[in-house]
Each structure stands twice: as C-alpha cells, then as structure tokens.
C-alpha cells in the first residue's frame, strides 16, 4: 500500500520563541544564577534583577 505524504505544520513565531525562551534549560539555569552572582547596589537594579528571574 502506498502511504500519503503527511503535511507538516509550519513553524510559527510562537513555536520559535517557545524553544528559545520557555523550553531552553541552559537559559533557565543561567537566569537562576543571576541573583546569586549579581551585586545590586541600587533599588532600581534590584527590581530589574528580580523581574528578570521571574
């Protein structure tokens, strides 16, 4: 029997960004180290660092 070729879904921008931002273990681990390695000397920098790790 012959099989029909399957159609692949196009890669959307949401899928692309999901792979870079949400599902990237190296990026997640690097962001987890930010508070431990950073020295924040102003409130503005501390709020920015805290927001980056959310």
Protein backbone atom coordinates (compact mmCIF):
# COMPACT_ATOMS: atom_id res chain seq x y z
CA UNK A 1 0.00 0.00 0.00
CA UNK A 2 1.15 3.47 -0.76
CA UNK A 3 1.15 5.95 2.05
CA UNK A 4 0.16 9.53 1.57
CA UNK A 5 2.74 12.15 2.46
CA UNK A 6 1.93 13.91 5.69
CA UNK A 7 1.70 17.65 5.75
CA UNK A 8 3.97 19.36 8.22
CA UNK A 9 2.69 22.32 10.17
CA UNK A 10 4.67 25.49 9.52
CA UNK A 11 6.82 26.73 12.35
CA UNK A 12 5.19 29.81 13.82
CA UNK A 13 6.86 32.61 15.72
CA UNK A 14 5.20 31.35 18.91
CA UNK A 15 6.82 27.93 18.46
CA UNK A 16 10.17 29.53 17.70
CA UNK A 17 10.12 31.81 20.75
CA UNK A 18 8.89 28.97 22.95
CA UNK A 19 12.02 26.99 22.11
CA UNK A 20 14.30 29.90 22.91
CA UNK A 21 12.58 31.42 25.93
CA UNK A 22 10.37 28.88 27.71
CA UNK A 23 11.88 25.50 26.90
CA UNK A 24 15.60 26.22 26.95
CA UNK A 25 17.20 24.60 30.02
CA UNK A 26 20.53 26.40 29.63
CA UNK A 27 18.82 29.80 29.54
CA UNK A 28 16.67 28.91 32.55
CA UNK A 29 19.71 27.81 34.59
CA UNK A 30 21.62 30.94 33.63
CA UNK A 31 18.75 33.15 34.78
CA UNK A 32 18.63 31.19 38.03
CA UNK A 33 22.25 32.14 38.73
CA UNK A 34 21.67 35.87 38.23
CA UNK A 35 20.61 36.68 41.81
CA UNK A 36 23.47 34.65 43.26
CA UNK A 37 26.15 36.29 41.12
CA UNK A 38 24.86 39.83 40.82
CA UNK A 39 25.66 42.69 43.12
CA UNK A 40 22.82 45.18 43.11
CA UNK A 41 23.72 48.48 44.67
CA UNK A 42 20.53 50.38 43.83
CA UNK A 43 16.86 49.61 44.26
CA UNK A 44 16.28 50.05 40.53
CA UNK A 45 18.88 47.38 39.69
CA UNK A 46 17.49 45.03 42.33
CA UNK A 47 13.96 45.30 40.94
CA UNK A 48 15.25 44.69 37.42
CA UNK A 49 17.20 41.62 38.54
CA UNK A 50 14.19 40.27 40.39
CA UNK A 51 11.95 40.80 37.36
CA UNK A 52 14.42 39.01 35.09
CA UNK A 53 14.32 35.86 37.18
CA UNK A 54 10.53 35.54 37.21
